[in-house]
Amino acid sequence: VHACSDTDVSEWPGIDIPATDSMAREVLAERLAGWQERYPDVPVARNVVCDKPAHQLVQRSKAAQLIVVGSRGRGGFAEMLVGSVGETVAQMAQVPVIVARASVA
């Protein structure tokens, strides 16, 4: 799931939702590039939504077996702490949650 906004921008004047959706799909494709080839037996469903990431992940956890989120937050002390999305999902999800750091390689 790629949630492309922390706020609902659908009502904002001048926001081109189809263009925003297209850019979000490109970002998602880039982030998944190589993983499906590396792990072909792992099913991946690509979903792009304009919603708060934590809300979407918690809602979708009801139909999941596992949630994996990144650890990098966008708030203060981002390098030292679990991000707010990771923290919220870990506390509220209906399934186990893995908070993973990005590779430093």
PDB file of N, CA and C in Angstrom:
ATOM      1  N   VAL A   1       0.857  -1.173   0.000  1.00  0.00           N
ATOM      2  CA  VAL A   1       0.000   0.000   0.000  1.00  0.00           C
ATOM      3  C   VAL A   1       0.893   1.223   0.000  1.00  0.00           C
ATOM      4  N   HIS A   2       0.626   2.126  -0.886  1.00  0.00           N
ATOM      5  CA  HIS A   2       1.294   3.421  -0.889  1.00  0.00           C
ATOM      6  C   HIS A   2       0.217   4.463  -0.650  1.00  0.00           C
ATOM      7  N   ALA A   3       0.227   5.060   0.525  1.00  0.00           N
ATOM      8  CA  ALA A   3      -0.713   6.135   0.830  1.00  0.00           C
ATOM      9  C   ALA A   3      -0.023   7.434   0.463  1.00  0.00           C
ATOM     10  N   CYS A   4      -0.576   8.142  -0.500  1.00  0.00           N
ATOM     11  CA  CYS A   4       0.139   9.275  -1.094  1.00  0.00           C
ATOM     12  C   CYS A   4      -0.077  10.596  -0.386  1.00  0.00           C
ATOM     13  N   SER A   5      -0.795  10.624   0.719  1.00  0.00           N
ATOM     14  CA  SER A   5      -1.010  11.893   1.397  1.00  0.00           C
ATOM     15  C   SER A   5      -1.344  11.677   2.856  1.00  0.00           C
ATOM     16  N   ASP A   6      -0.841  12.584   3.696  1.00  0.00           N
ATOM     17  CA  ASP A   6      -1.215  12.572   5.103  1.00  0.00           C
ATOM     18  C   ASP A   6      -2.519  13.331   5.319  1.00  0.00           C
ATOM     19  N   THR A   7      -2.949  14.064   4.315  1.00  0.00           N
ATOM     20  CA  THR A   7      -4.197  14.821   4.405  1.00  0.00           C
ATOM     21  C   THR A   7      -5.041  14.532   3.176  1.00  0.00           C
ATOM     22  N   ASP A   8      -6.325  14.772   3.280  1.00  0.00           N
ATOM     23  CA  ASP A   8      -7.230  14.565   2.153  1.00  0.00           C
ATOM     24  C   ASP A   8      -7.128  15.764   1.224  1.00  0.00           C
ATOM     25  N   VAL A   9      -6.518  15.556   0.057  1.00  0.00           N
ATOM     26  CA  VAL A   9      -6.331  16.650  -0.891  1.00  0.00           C
ATOM     27  C   VAL A   9      -7.380  16.637  -1.996  1.00  0.00           C
ATOM     28  N   SER A  10      -8.311  15.715  -1.946  1.00  0.00           N
ATOM     29  CA  SER A  10      -9.275  15.575  -3.040  1.00  0.00           C
ATOM     30  C   SER A  10     -10.163  16.800  -3.201  1.00  0.00           C
ATOM     31  N   GLU A  11     -10.356  17.563  -2.144  1.00  0.00           N
ATOM     32  CA  GLU A  11     -11.213  18.746  -2.220  1.00  0.00           C
ATOM     33  C   GLU A  11     -10.423  20.027  -2.478  1.00  0.00           C
ATOM     34  N   TRP A  12      -9.105  19.956  -2.527  1.00  0.00           N
ATOM     35  CA  TRP A  12      -8.294  21.154  -2.718  1.00  0.00           C
ATOM     36  C   TRP A  12      -8.372  21.614  -4.166  1.00  0.00           C
ATOM     37  N   PRO A  13      -8.577  22.911  -4.392  1.00  0.00           N
ATOM     38  CA  PRO A  13      -8.600  23.412  -5.772  1.00  0.00           C
ATOM     39  C   PRO A  13      -7.208  23.319  -6.397  1.00  0.00           C
ATOM     40  N   GLY A  14      -7.168  22.961  -7.658  1.00  0.00           N
ATOM     41  CA  GLY A  14      -5.907  22.907  -8.381  1.00  0.00           C
ATOM     42  C   GLY A  14      -5.136  21.608  -8.243  1.00  0.00           C
ATOM     43  N   ILE A  15      -5.627  20.671  -7.453  1.00  0.00           N
ATOM     44  CA  ILE A  15      -4.940  19.386  -7.298  1.00  0.00           C
ATOM     45  C   ILE A  15      -5.437  18.445  -8.386  1.00  0.00           C
ATOM     46  N   ASP A  16      -4.522  17.968  -9.199  1.00  0.00           N
ATOM     47  CA  ASP A  16      -4.852  17.048 -10.286  1.00  0.00           C
ATOM     48  C   ASP A  16      -4.745  15.619  -9.753  1.00  0.00           C
ATOM     49  N   ILE A  17      -5.883  15.064  -9.332  1.00  0.00           N
ATOM     50  CA  ILE A  17      -5.891  13.739  -8.712  1.00  0.00           C
ATOM     51  C   ILE A  17      -5.348  12.657  -9.653  1.00  0.00           C
ATOM     52  N   PRO A  18      -5.757  12.605 -10.933  1.00  0.00           N
ATOM     53  CA  PRO A  18      -5.183  11.570 -11.808  1.00  0.00           C
ATOM     54  C   PRO A  18      -3.659  11.675 -11.929  1.00  0.00           C
ATOM     55  N   ALA A  19      -3.117  12.893 -12.004  1.00  0.00           N
ATOM     56  CA  ALA A  19      -1.663  13.060 -12.094  1.00  0.00           C
ATOM     57  C   ALA A  19      -1.000  12.633 -10.793  1.00  0.00           C
ATOM     58  N   THR A  20      -1.608  12.985  -9.666  1.00  0.00           N
ATOM     59  CA  THR A  20      -1.077  12.591  -8.364  1.00  0.00           C
ATOM     60  C   THR A  20      -1.087  11.076  -8.234  1.00  0.00           C
ATOM     61  N   ASP A  21      -2.171  10.449  -8.663  1.00  0.00           N
ATOM     62  CA  ASP A  21      -2.285   8.993  -8.619  1.00  0.00           C
ATOM     63  C   ASP A  21      -1.218   8.342  -9.498  1.00  0.00           C
ATOM     64  N   SER A  22      -1.009   8.893 -10.671  1.00  0.00           N
ATOM     65  CA  SER A  22      -0.010   8.351 -11.591  1.00  0.00           C
ATOM     66  C   SER A  22       1.395   8.449 -10.993  1.00  0.00           C
ATOM     67  N   MET A  23       1.712   9.589 -10.385  1.00  0.00           N
ATOM     68  CA  MET A  23       3.030   9.750  -9.757  1.00  0.00           C
ATOM     69  C   MET A  23       3.195   8.784  -8.591  1.00  0.00           C
ATOM     70  N   ALA A  24       2.140   8.592  -7.811  1.00  0.00           N
ATOM     71  CA  ALA A  24       2.204   7.675  -6.671  1.00  0.00           C
ATOM     72  C   ALA A  24       2.423   6.245  -7.149  1.00  0.00           C
ATOM     73  N   ARG A  25       1.782   5.864  -8.252  1.00  0.00           N
ATOM     74  CA  ARG A  25       1.983   4.522  -8.803  1.00  0.00           C
ATOM     75  C   ARG A  25       3.425   4.332  -9.286  1.00  0.00           C
ATOM     76  N   GLU A  26       4.013   5.387  -9.845  1.00  0.00           N
ATOM     77  CA  GLU A  26       5.413   5.316 -10.265  1.00  0.00           C
ATOM     78  C   GLU A  26       6.333   5.134  -9.059  1.00  0.00           C
ATOM     79  N   VAL A  27       6.063   5.876  -7.989  1.00  0.00           N
ATOM     80  CA  VAL A  27       6.858   5.749  -6.762  1.00  0.00           C
ATOM     81  C   VAL A  27       6.759   4.329  -6.226  1.00  0.00           C
ATOM     82  N   LEU A  28       5.546   3.790  -6.189  1.00  0.00           N
ATOM     83  CA  LEU A  28       5.346   2.430  -5.692  1.00  0.00           C
ATOM     84  C   LEU A  28       6.095   1.421  -6.558  1.00  0.00           C
ATOM     85  N   ALA A  29       6.015   1.568  -7.874  1.00  0.00           N
ATOM     86  CA  ALA A  29       6.715   0.654  -8.784  1.00  0.00           C
ATOM     87  C   ALA A  29       8.226   0.715  -8.562  1.00  0.00           C
ATOM     88  N   GLU A  30       8.761   1.923  -8.358  1.00  0.00           N
ATOM     89  CA  GLU A  30      10.197   2.070  -8.105  1.00  0.00           C
ATOM     90  C   GLU A  30      10.595   1.382  -6.804  1.00  0.00           C
ATOM     91  N   ARG A  31       9.774   1.533  -5.779  1.00  0.00           N
ATOM     92  CA  ARG A  31      10.100   0.945  -4.479  1.00  0.00           C
ATOM     93  C   ARG A  31       9.997  -0.578  -4.492  1.00  0.00           C
ATOM     94  N   LEU A  32       9.154  -1.118  -5.362  1.00  0.00           N
ATOM     95  CA  LEU A  32       9.003  -2.575  -5.445  1.00  0.00           C
ATOM     96  C   LEU A  32       9.916  -3.206  -6.491  1.00  0.00           C
ATOM     97  N   ALA A  33      10.578  -2.364  -7.282  1.00  0.00           N
ATOM     98  CA  ALA A  33      11.424  -2.870  -8.368  1.00  0.00           C
ATOM     99  C   ALA A  33      12.440  -3.872  -7.838  1.00  0.00           C
ATOM    100  N   GLY A  34      12.473  -5.019  -8.469  1.00  0.00           N
ATOM    101  CA  GLY A  34      13.431  -6.050  -8.101  1.00  0.00           C
ATOM    102  C   GLY A  34      12.946  -7.027  -7.043  1.00  0.00           C
ATOM    103  N   TRP A  35      12.056  -6.586  -6.172  1.00  0.00           N
ATOM    104  CA  TRP A  35      11.616  -7.468  -5.084  1.00  0.00           C
ATOM    105  C   TRP A  35      10.774  -8.625  -5.593  1.00  0.00           C
ATOM    106  N   GLN A  36       9.894  -8.380  -6.545  1.00  0.00           N
ATOM    107  CA  GLN A  36       9.060  -9.466  -7.060  1.00  0.00           C
ATOM    108  C   GLN A  36       9.895 -10.486  -7.826  1.00  0.00           C
ATOM    109  N   GLU A  37      10.938 -10.020  -8.510  1.00  0.00           N
ATOM    110  CA  GLU A  37      11.827 -10.951  -9.196  1.00  0.00           C
ATOM    111  C   GLU A  37      12.644 -11.748  -8.177  1.00  0.00           C
ATOM    112  N   ARG A  38      13.024 -11.092  -7.105  1.00  0.00           N
ATOM    113  CA  ARG A  38      13.836 -11.738  -6.075  1.00  0.00           C
ATOM    114  C   ARG A  38      13.033 -12.737  -5.248  1.00  0.00           C
ATOM    115  N   TYR A  39      11.772 -12.433  -5.027  1.00  0.00           N
ATOM    116  CA  TYR A  39      10.895 -13.295  -4.226  1.00  0.00           C
ATOM    117  C   TYR A  39       9.612 -13.594  -5.004  1.00  0.00           C
ATOM    118  N   PRO A  40       9.698 -14.408  -6.054  1.00  0.00           N
ATOM    119  CA  PRO A  40       8.547 -14.634  -6.933  1.00  0.00           C
ATOM    120  C   PRO A  40       7.373 -15.351  -6.269  1.00  0.00           C
ATOM    121  N   ASP A  41       7.606 -16.058  -5.170  1.00  0.00           N
ATOM    122  CA  ASP A  41       6.517 -16.784  -4.512  1.00  0.00           C
ATOM    123  C   ASP A  41       5.720 -15.924  -3.535  1.00  0.00           C
ATOM    124  N   VAL A  42       6.159 -14.691  -3.331  1.00  0.00           N
ATOM    125  CA  VAL A  42       5.453 -13.796  -2.411  1.00  0.00           C
ATOM    126  C   VAL A  42       4.451 -12.971  -3.214  1.00  0.00           C
ATOM    127  N   PRO A  43       3.151 -13.161  -2.949  1.00  0.00           N
ATOM    128  CA  PRO A  43       2.155 -12.386  -3.693  1.00  0.00           C
ATOM    129  C   PRO A  43       2.187 -10.915  -3.277  1.00  0.00           C
ATOM    130  N   VAL A  44       2.111 -10.032  -4.260  1.00  0.00           N
ATOM    131  CA  VAL A  44       2.124  -8.595  -4.004  1.00  0.00           C
ATOM    132  C   VAL A  44       0.929  -7.967  -4.702  1.00  0.00           C
ATOM    133  N   ALA A  45       0.124  -7.266  -3.936  1.00  0.00           N
ATOM    134  CA  ALA A  45      -0.986  -6.490  -4.498  1.00  0.00           C
ATOM    135  C   ALA A  45      -0.615  -5.024  -4.355  1.00  0.00           C
ATOM    136  N   ARG A  46      -0.587  -4.308  -5.460  1.00  0.00           N
ATOM    137  CA  ARG A  46      -0.211  -2.893  -5.438  1.00  0.00           C
ATOM    138  C   ARG A  46      -1.461  -2.041  -5.272  1.00  0.00           C
ATOM    139  N   ASN A  47      -1.466  -1.231  -4.222  1.00  0.00           N
ATOM    140  CA  ASN A  47      -2.596  -0.352  -3.955  1.00  0.00           C
ATOM    141  C   ASN A  47      -2.100   1.054  -3.684  1.00  0.00           C
ATOM    142  N   VAL A  48      -2.687   2.029  -4.356  1.00  0.00           N
ATOM    143  CA  VAL A  48      -2.372   3.436  -4.134  1.00  0.00           C
ATOM    144  C   VAL A  48      -3.642   4.115  -3.655  1.00  0.00           C
ATOM    145  N   VAL A  49      -3.540   4.814  -2.545  1.00  0.00           N
ATOM    146  CA  VAL A  49      -4.693   5.520  -1.987  1.00  0.00           C
ATOM    147  C   VAL A  49      -4.260   6.903  -1.519  1.00  0.00           C
ATOM    148  N   CYS A  50      -5.177   7.844  -1.545  1.00  0.00           N
ATOM    149  CA  CYS A  50      -4.932   9.168  -0.980  1.00  0.00           C
ATOM    150  C   CYS A  50      -5.578   9.188   0.396  1.00  0.00           C
ATOM    151  N   ASP A  51      -4.788   8.850   1.397  1.00  0.00           N
ATOM    152  CA  ASP A  51      -5.284   8.772   2.771  1.00  0.00           C
ATOM    153  C   ASP A  51      -4.080   8.773   3.694  1.00  0.00           C
ATOM    154  N   LYS A  52      -4.333   8.883   4.975  1.00  0.00           N
ATOM    155  CA  LYS A  52      -3.261   8.820   5.959  1.00  0.00           C
ATOM    156  C   LYS A  52      -2.693   7.403   5.970  1.00  0.00           C
ATOM    157  N   PRO A  53      -1.364   7.261   5.847  1.00  0.00           N
ATOM    158  CA  PRO A  53      -0.764   5.930   5.779  1.00  0.00           C
ATOM    159  C   PRO A  53      -1.119   5.032   6.959  1.00  0.00           C
ATOM    160  N   ALA A  54      -1.033   5.541   8.178  1.00  0.00           N
ATOM    161  CA  ALA A  54      -1.325   4.702   9.350  1.00  0.00           C
ATOM    162  C   ALA A  54      -2.761   4.204   9.317  1.00  0.00           C
ATOM    163  N   HIS A  55      -3.690   5.065   8.954  1.00  0.00           N
ATOM    164  CA  HIS A  55      -5.102   4.674   8.894  1.00  0.00           C
ATOM    165  C   HIS A  55      -5.301   3.545   7.894  1.00  0.00           C
ATOM    166  N   GLN A  56      -4.741   3.688   6.701  1.00  0.00           N
ATOM    167  CA  GLN A  56      -4.897   2.662   5.669  1.00  0.00           C
ATOM    168  C   GLN A  56      -4.285   1.336   6.100  1.00  0.00           C
ATOM    169  N   LEU A  57      -3.088   1.377   6.675  1.00  0.00           N
ATOM    170  CA  LEU A  57      -2.424   0.135   7.074  1.00  0.00           C
ATOM    171  C   LEU A  57      -3.162  -0.567   8.203  1.00  0.00           C
ATOM    172  N   VAL A  58      -3.669   0.191   9.162  1.00  0.00           N
ATOM    173  CA  VAL A  58      -4.439  -0.422  10.257  1.00  0.00           C
ATOM    174  C   VAL A  58      -5.718  -1.041   9.702  1.00  0.00           C
ATOM    175  N   GLN A  59      -6.419  -0.340   8.818  1.00  0.00           N
ATOM    176  CA  GLN A  59      -7.644  -0.882   8.224  1.00  0.00           C
ATOM    177  C   GLN A  59      -7.352  -2.152   7.428  1.00  0.00           C
ATOM    178  N   ARG A  60      -6.288  -2.124   6.649  1.00  0.00           N
ATOM    179  CA  ARG A  60      -5.954  -3.272   5.804  1.00  0.00           C
ATOM    180  C   ARG A  60      -5.361  -4.430   6.596  1.00  0.00           C
ATOM    181  N   SER A  61      -4.930  -4.175   7.824  1.00  0.00           N
ATOM    182  CA  SER A  61      -4.374  -5.254   8.648  1.00  0.00           C
ATOM    183  C   SER A  61      -5.425  -6.302   8.986  1.00  0.00           C
ATOM    184  N   LYS A  62      -6.690  -5.928   8.891  1.00  0.00           N
ATOM    185  CA  LYS A  62      -7.773  -6.870   9.197  1.00  0.00           C
ATOM    186  C   LYS A  62      -7.798  -8.041   8.211  1.00  0.00           C
ATOM    187  N   ALA A  63      -7.232  -7.833   7.016  1.00  0.00           N
ATOM    188  CA  ALA A  63      -7.226  -8.883   5.994  1.00  0.00           C
ATOM    189  C   ALA A  63      -5.810  -9.370   5.686  1.00  0.00           C
ATOM    190  N   ALA A  64      -4.845  -8.997   6.530  1.00  0.00           N
ATOM    191  CA  ALA A  64      -3.445  -9.346   6.272  1.00  0.00           C
ATOM    192  C   ALA A  64      -2.946 -10.399   7.254  1.00  0.00           C
ATOM    193  N   GLN A  65      -1.805 -10.973   6.936  1.00  0.00           N
ATOM    194  CA  GLN A  65      -1.137 -11.902   7.850  1.00  0.00           C
ATOM    195  C   GLN A  65       0.029 -11.226   8.557  1.00  0.00           C
ATOM    196  N   LEU A  66       0.582 -10.192   7.919  1.00  0.00           N
ATOM    197  CA  LEU A  66       1.744  -9.493   8.450  1.00  0.00           C
ATOM    198  C   LEU A  66       1.812  -8.109   7.814  1.00  0.00           C
ATOM    199  N   ILE A  67       2.235  -7.116   8.589  1.00  0.00           N
ATOM    200  CA  ILE A  67       2.456  -5.765   8.069  1.00  0.00           C
ATOM    201  C   ILE A  67       3.940  -5.455   8.247  1.00  0.00           C
ATOM    202  N   VAL A  68       4.569  -4.938   7.196  1.00  0.00           N
ATOM    203  CA  VAL A  68       5.957  -4.492   7.273  1.00  0.00           C
ATOM    204  C   VAL A  68       5.978  -3.015   6.912  1.00  0.00           C
ATOM    205  N   VAL A  69       6.530  -2.197   7.814  1.00  0.00           N
ATOM    206  CA  VAL A  69       6.633  -0.757   7.569  1.00  0.00           C
ATOM    207  C   VAL A  69       8.076  -0.323   7.775  1.00  0.00           C
ATOM    208  N   GLY A  70       8.434   0.777   7.151  1.00  0.00           N
ATOM    209  CA  GLY A  70       9.767   1.340   7.341  1.00  0.00           C
ATOM    210  C   GLY A  70       9.859   2.077   8.663  1.00  0.00           C
ATOM    211  N   SER A  71      11.083   2.254   9.131  1.00  0.00           N
ATOM    212  CA  SER A  71      11.278   2.894  10.431  1.00  0.00           C
ATOM    213  C   SER A  71      11.521   4.385  10.329  1.00  0.00           C
ATOM    214  N   ARG A  72      11.777   4.888   9.159  1.00  0.00           N
ATOM    215  CA  ARG A  72      12.152   6.289   9.019  1.00  0.00           C
ATOM    216  C   ARG A  72      10.948   7.202   9.105  1.00  0.00           C
ATOM    217  N   GLY A  73      10.902   7.977  10.150  1.00  0.00           N
ATOM    218  CA  GLY A  73       9.835   8.947  10.297  1.00  0.00           C
ATOM    219  C   GLY A  73      10.198  10.255   9.633  1.00  0.00           C
ATOM    220  N   ARG A  74       9.218  11.128   9.507  1.00  0.00           N
ATOM    221  CA  ARG A  74       9.466  12.442   8.936  1.00  0.00           C
ATOM    222  C   ARG A  74       9.472  13.521  10.007  1.00  0.00           C
ATOM    223  N   GLY A  75       9.231  13.121  11.251  1.00  0.00           N
ATOM    224  CA  GLY A  75       9.219  14.091  12.336  1.00  0.00           C
ATOM    225  C   GLY A  75      10.611  14.285  12.911  1.00  0.00           C
ATOM    226  N   GLY A  76      10.700  14.983  14.035  1.00  0.00           N
ATOM    227  CA  GLY A  76      11.969  15.230  14.699  1.00  0.00           C
ATOM    228  C   GLY A  76      12.629  13.939  15.156  1.00  0.00           C
ATOM    229  N   PHE A  77      13.947  13.958  15.242  1.00  0.00           N
ATOM    230  CA  PHE A  77      14.733  12.802  15.659  1.00  0.00           C
ATOM    231  C   PHE A  77      14.449  11.578  14.787  1.00  0.00           C
ATOM    232  N   ALA A  78      14.183  11.798  13.512  1.00  0.00           N
ATOM    233  CA  ALA A  78      13.772  10.718  12.606  1.00  0.00           C
ATOM    234  C   ALA A  78      14.780   9.582  12.535  1.00  0.00           C
ATOM    235  N   GLU A  79      16.053   9.890  12.686  1.00  0.00           N
ATOM    236  CA  GLU A  79      17.061   8.835  12.590  1.00  0.00           C
ATOM    237  C   GLU A  79      17.071   7.929  13.812  1.00  0.00           C
ATOM    238  N   MET A  80      16.569   8.421  14.946  1.00  0.00           N
ATOM    239  CA  MET A  80      16.661   7.652  16.186  1.00  0.00           C
ATOM    240  C   MET A  80      15.375   6.932  16.562  1.00  0.00           C
ATOM    241  N   LEU A  81      14.257   7.399  16.095  1.00  0.00           N
ATOM    242  CA  LEU A  81      12.974   6.876  16.554  1.00  0.00           C
ATOM    243  C   LEU A  81      12.217   6.161  15.449  1.00  0.00           C
ATOM    244  N   VAL A  82      11.310   5.306  15.854  1.00  0.00           N
ATOM    245  CA  VAL A  82      10.365   4.724  14.902  1.00  0.00           C
ATOM    246  C   VAL A  82       9.453   5.853  14.455  1.00  0.00           C
ATOM    247  N   GLY A  83       9.149   5.921  13.178  1.00  0.00           N
ATOM    248  CA  GLY A  83       8.264   6.963  12.684  1.00  0.00           C
ATOM    249  C   GLY A  83       6.867   6.836  13.266  1.00  0.00           C
ATOM    250  N   SER A  84       6.103   7.902  13.158  1.00  0.00           N
ATOM    251  CA  SER A  84       4.756   7.901  13.729  1.00  0.00           C
ATOM    252  C   SER A  84       3.859   6.865  13.070  1.00  0.00           C
ATOM    253  N   VAL A  85       4.039   6.626  11.769  1.00  0.00           N
ATOM    254  CA  VAL A  85       3.236   5.605  11.090  1.00  0.00           C
ATOM    255  C   VAL A  85       3.582   4.232  11.648  1.00  0.00           C
ATOM    256  N   GLY A  86       4.859   3.917  11.740  1.00  0.00           N
ATOM    257  CA  GLY A  86       5.281   2.627  12.279  1.00  0.00           C
ATOM    258  C   GLY A  86       4.789   2.413  13.698  1.00  0.00           C
ATOM    259  N   GLU A  87       4.888   3.451  14.514  1.00  0.00           N
ATOM    260  CA  GLU A  87       4.439   3.340  15.903  1.00  0.00           C
ATOM    261  C   GLU A  87       2.934   3.117  15.985  1.00  0.00           C
ATOM    262  N   THR A  88       2.170   3.892  15.231  1.00  0.00           N
ATOM    263  CA  THR A  88       0.715   3.751  15.243  1.00  0.00           C
ATOM    264  C   THR A  88       0.292   2.376  14.751  1.00  0.00           C
ATOM    265  N   VAL A  89       0.876   1.933  13.643  1.00  0.00           N
ATOM    266  CA  VAL A  89       0.516   0.633  13.082  1.00  0.00           C
ATOM    267  C   VAL A  89       0.888  -0.484  14.053  1.00  0.00           C
ATOM    268  N   ALA A  90       2.060  -0.397  14.670  1.00  0.00           N
ATOM    269  CA  ALA A  90       2.482  -1.429  15.622  1.00  0.00           C
ATOM    270  C   ALA A  90       1.518  -1.529  16.803  1.00  0.00           C
ATOM    271  N   GLN A  91       0.954  -0.408  17.221  1.00  0.00           N
ATOM    272  CA  GLN A  91       0.035  -0.407  18.358  1.00  0.00           C
ATOM    273  C   GLN A  91      -1.382  -0.815  17.981  1.00  0.00           C
ATOM    274  N   MET A  92      -1.811  -0.507  16.762  1.00  0.00           N
ATOM    275  CA  MET A  92      -3.220  -0.657  16.405  1.00  0.00           C
ATOM    276  C   MET A  92      -3.536  -1.807  15.450  1.00  0.00           C
ATOM    277  N   ALA A  93      -2.547  -2.358  14.765  1.00  0.00           N
ATOM    278  CA  ALA A  93      -2.808  -3.385  13.747  1.00  0.00           C
ATOM    279  C   ALA A  93      -3.361  -4.659  14.372  1.00  0.00           C
ATOM    280  N   GLN A  94      -4.107  -5.404  13.573  1.00  0.00           N
ATOM    281  CA  GLN A  94      -4.725  -6.653  13.997  1.00  0.00           C
ATOM    282  C   GLN A  94      -3.806  -7.859  13.817  1.00  0.00           C
ATOM    283  N   VAL A  95      -2.617  -7.637  13.243  1.00  0.00           N
ATOM    284  CA  VAL A  95      -1.670  -8.716  12.951  1.00  0.00           C
ATOM    285  C   VAL A  95      -0.271  -8.284  13.397  1.00  0.00           C
ATOM    286  N   PRO A  96       0.691  -9.216  13.397  1.00  0.00           N
ATOM    287  CA  PRO A  96       2.060  -8.828  13.737  1.00  0.00           C
ATOM    288  C   PRO A  96       2.595  -7.753  12.787  1.00  0.00           C
ATOM    289  N   VAL A  97       3.461  -6.895  13.326  1.00  0.00           N
ATOM    290  CA  VAL A  97       4.045  -5.795  12.553  1.00  0.00           C
ATOM    291  C   VAL A  97       5.564  -5.860  12.671  1.00  0.00           C
ATOM    292  N   ILE A  98       6.238  -5.738  11.542  1.00  0.00           N
ATOM    293  CA  ILE A  98       7.693  -5.623  11.521  1.00  0.00           C
ATOM    294  C   ILE A  98       8.020  -4.195  11.120  1.00  0.00           C
ATOM    295  N   VAL A  99       8.816  -3.515  11.937  1.00  0.00           N
ATOM    296  CA  VAL A  99       9.305  -2.180  11.604  1.00  0.00           C
ATOM    297  C   VAL A  99      10.757  -2.358  11.178  1.00  0.00           C
ATOM    298  N   ALA A 100      11.023  -2.124   9.889  1.00  0.00           N
ATOM    299  CA  ALA A 100      12.337  -2.424   9.319  1.00  0.00           C
ATOM    300  C   ALA A 100      13.080  -1.156   8.923  1.00  0.00           C
ATOM    301  N   ARG A 101      14.385  -1.155   9.175  1.00  0.00           N
ATOM    302  CA  ARG A 101      15.237  -0.059   8.720  1.00  0.00           C
ATOM    303  C   ARG A 101      15.641  -0.311   7.272  1.00  0.00           C
ATOM    304  N   ALA A 102      15.835   0.768   6.544  1.00  0.00           N
ATOM    305  CA  ALA A 102      16.323   0.641   5.170  1.00  0.00           C
ATOM    306  C   ALA A 102      17.775   0.186   5.201  1.00  0.00           C
ATOM    307  N   SER A 103      18.185  -0.522   4.176  1.00  0.00           N
ATOM    308  CA  SER A 103      19.570  -0.977   4.082  1.00  0.00           C
ATOM    309  C   SER A 103      20.496   0.216   3.916  1.00  0.00           C
ATOM    310  N   VAL A 104      21.660   0.144   4.512  1.00  0.00           N
ATOM    311  CA  VAL A 104      22.626   1.224   4.403  1.00  0.00           C
ATOM    312  C   VAL A 104      23.584   0.988   3.238  1.00  0.00           C
ATOM    313  N   ALA A 105      23.392  -0.091   2.507  1.00  0.00           N
ATOM    314  CA  ALA A 105      24.317  -0.453   1.427  1.00  0.00           C
ATOM    315  C   ALA A 105      24.256   0.474   0.254  1.00  0.00           C
TER     316      ALA A 105
END
